[in-house]
Amino acid sequence: MRPLDTSPEAWKVQMDLIRRMSPGERLARAIEYSALVRSLAEAALRREHPGASQRDIFLLAARQRLGAELFERVYGPEWSR
């Protein structure tokens, strides 16, 4: 599905480039994009919690990704905020 802010012509070019990638290249791009999204989310948490330690940022990010219920099951109630 084409994003609303992308022209049909640009979308076609992007899809053609993706189709030419090998499965390994596609996987590498997916991993890179996932890492980028994680780093952007962590940067936002650092701005919201400027005094937080790296461990605190890790836990806050994990809670965001997992949701409160699963986070508590994985890390225990003492880490819930």
C-alpha atoms as a PDB file:
ATOM      1  CA  MET A   1       0.000   0.000   0.000  1.00  0.00           C
ATOM      2  CA  ARG A   2       1.485   3.313  -1.093  1.00  0.00           C
ATOM      3  CA  PRO A   3       1.945   5.928   1.672  1.00  0.00           C
ATOM      4  CA  LEU A   4      -0.142   9.065   1.168  1.00  0.00           C
ATOM      5  CA  ASP A   5       2.958  11.284   1.066  1.00  0.00           C
ATOM      6  CA  THR A   6       4.581   9.268  -1.755  1.00  0.00           C
ATOM      7  CA  SER A   7       3.807   9.894  -5.409  1.00  0.00           C
ATOM      8  CA  PRO A   8       2.825   6.918  -7.577  1.00  0.00           C
ATOM      9  CA  GLU A   9       5.995   7.405  -9.614  1.00  0.00           C
ATOM     10  CA  ALA A  10       8.261   7.386  -6.552  1.00  0.00           C
ATOM     11  CA  TRP A  11       6.417   4.347  -5.172  1.00  0.00           C
ATOM     12  CA  LYS A  12       6.998   2.455  -8.424  1.00  0.00           C
ATOM     13  CA  VAL A  13      10.718   3.238  -8.317  1.00  0.00           C
ATOM     14  CA  GLN A  14      10.927   2.102  -4.699  1.00  0.00           C
ATOM     15  CA  MET A  15       9.044  -1.136  -5.376  1.00  0.00           C
ATOM     16  CA  ASP A  16      11.231  -1.860  -8.418  1.00  0.00           C
ATOM     17  CA  LEU A  17      14.367  -1.411  -6.290  1.00  0.00           C
ATOM     18  CA  ILE A  18      13.013  -3.726  -3.599  1.00  0.00           C
ATOM     19  CA  ARG A  19      12.064  -6.380  -6.145  1.00  0.00           C
ATOM     20  CA  ARG A  20      15.646  -6.394  -7.471  1.00  0.00           C
ATOM     21  CA  MET A  21      17.119  -7.073  -4.020  1.00  0.00           C
ATOM     22  CA  SER A  22      18.124 -10.556  -2.999  1.00  0.00           C
ATOM     23  CA  PRO A  23      16.416 -12.057   0.049  1.00  0.00           C
ATOM     24  CA  GLY A  24      19.610 -11.417   2.021  1.00  0.00           C
ATOM     25  CA  GLU A  25      19.621  -7.750   1.028  1.00  0.00           C
ATOM     26  CA  ARG A  26      15.964  -7.418   2.009  1.00  0.00           C
ATOM     27  CA  LEU A  27      16.671  -8.986   5.377  1.00  0.00           C
ATOM     28  CA  ALA A  28      19.668  -6.685   5.925  1.00  0.00           C
ATOM     29  CA  ARG A  29      17.505  -3.619   5.158  1.00  0.00           C
ATOM     30  CA  ALA A  30      14.770  -4.804   7.510  1.00  0.00           C
ATOM     31  CA  ILE A  31      17.310  -5.260  10.307  1.00  0.00           C
ATOM     32  CA  GLU A  32      18.821  -1.812   9.619  1.00  0.00           C
ATOM     33  CA  TYR A  33      15.389  -0.144   9.667  1.00  0.00           C
ATOM     34  CA  SER A  34      14.442  -1.944  12.883  1.00  0.00           C
ATOM     35  CA  ALA A  35      17.634  -0.719  14.538  1.00  0.00           C
ATOM     36  CA  LEU A  36      16.937   2.814  13.314  1.00  0.00           C
ATOM     37  CA  VAL A  37      13.403   2.779  14.729  1.00  0.00           C
ATOM     38  CA  ARG A  38      14.692   1.436  18.076  1.00  0.00           C
ATOM     39  CA  SER A  39      17.379   4.137  18.270  1.00  0.00           C
ATOM     40  CA  LEU A  40      14.838   6.878  17.475  1.00  0.00           C
ATOM     41  CA  ALA A  41      12.482   5.561  20.162  1.00  0.00           C
ATOM     42  CA  GLU A  42      15.333   5.451  22.693  1.00  0.00           C
ATOM     43  CA  ALA A  43      16.392   8.995  21.773  1.00  0.00           C
ATOM     44  CA  ALA A  44      12.837  10.188  22.449  1.00  0.00           C
ATOM     45  CA  LEU A  45      12.906   8.435  25.831  1.00  0.00           C
ATOM     46  CA  ARG A  46      16.241  10.110  26.667  1.00  0.00           C
ATOM     47  CA  ARG A  47      14.695  13.515  25.906  1.00  0.00           C
ATOM     48  CA  GLU A  48      11.672  12.695  28.093  1.00  0.00           C
ATOM     49  CA  HIS A  49      13.860  11.318  30.917  1.00  0.00           C
ATOM     50  CA  PRO A  50      17.142  13.280  30.797  1.00  0.00           C
ATOM     51  CA  GLY A  51      18.473  11.858  34.076  1.00  0.00           C
ATOM     52  CA  ALA A  52      17.730   8.234  33.226  1.00  0.00           C
ATOM     53  CA  SER A  53      20.517   5.673  33.167  1.00  0.00           C
ATOM     54  CA  GLN A  54      21.124   3.451  30.160  1.00  0.00           C
ATOM     55  CA  ARG A  55      19.424   0.611  32.086  1.00  0.00           C
ATOM     56  CA  ASP A  56      16.390   2.823  32.731  1.00  0.00           C
ATOM     57  CA  ILE A  57      16.179   3.675  29.030  1.00  0.00           C
ATOM     58  CA  PHE A  58      16.446  -0.013  28.173  1.00  0.00           C
ATOM     59  CA  LEU A  59      13.598  -0.844  30.560  1.00  0.00           C
ATOM     60  CA  LEU A  60      11.414   2.040  29.392  1.00  0.00           C
ATOM     61  CA  ALA A  61      11.926   0.980  25.773  1.00  0.00           C
ATOM     62  CA  ALA A  62      11.191  -2.648  26.624  1.00  0.00           C
ATOM     63  CA  ARG A  63       7.964  -1.590  28.350  1.00  0.00           C
ATOM     64  CA  GLN A  64       6.972   0.405  25.259  1.00  0.00           C
ATOM     65  CA  ARG A  65       7.607  -2.538  22.955  1.00  0.00           C
ATOM     66  CA  LEU A  66       6.147  -5.283  25.129  1.00  0.00           C
ATOM     67  CA  GLY A  67       3.234  -3.510  26.766  1.00  0.00           C
ATOM     68  CA  ALA A  68       2.694  -3.301  30.519  1.00  0.00           C
ATOM     69  CA  GLU A  69       1.395  -6.837  31.102  1.00  0.00           C
ATOM     70  CA  LEU A  70       4.110  -8.734  29.228  1.00  0.00           C
ATOM     71  CA  PHE A  71       6.788  -6.357  30.543  1.00  0.00           C
ATOM     72  CA  GLU A  72       5.798  -7.198  34.118  1.00  0.00           C
ATOM     73  CA  ARG A  73       5.794 -10.913  33.378  1.00  0.00           C
ATOM     74  CA  VAL A  74       9.288 -10.695  31.861  1.00  0.00           C
ATOM     75  CA  TYR A  75      10.962  -8.187  34.195  1.00  0.00           C
ATOM     76  CA  GLY A  76       8.830  -8.503  37.315  1.00  0.00           C
ATOM     77  CA  PRO A  77       6.622  -6.015  39.130  1.00  0.00           C
ATOM     78  CA  GLU A  78       9.565  -4.221  40.765  1.00  0.00           C
ATOM     79  CA  TRP A  79      10.483  -2.725  37.364  1.00  0.00           C
ATOM     80  CA  SER A  80       6.974  -1.548  36.459  1.00  0.00           C
ATOM     81  CA  ARG A  81       6.354   2.183  36.592  1.00  0.00           C
END
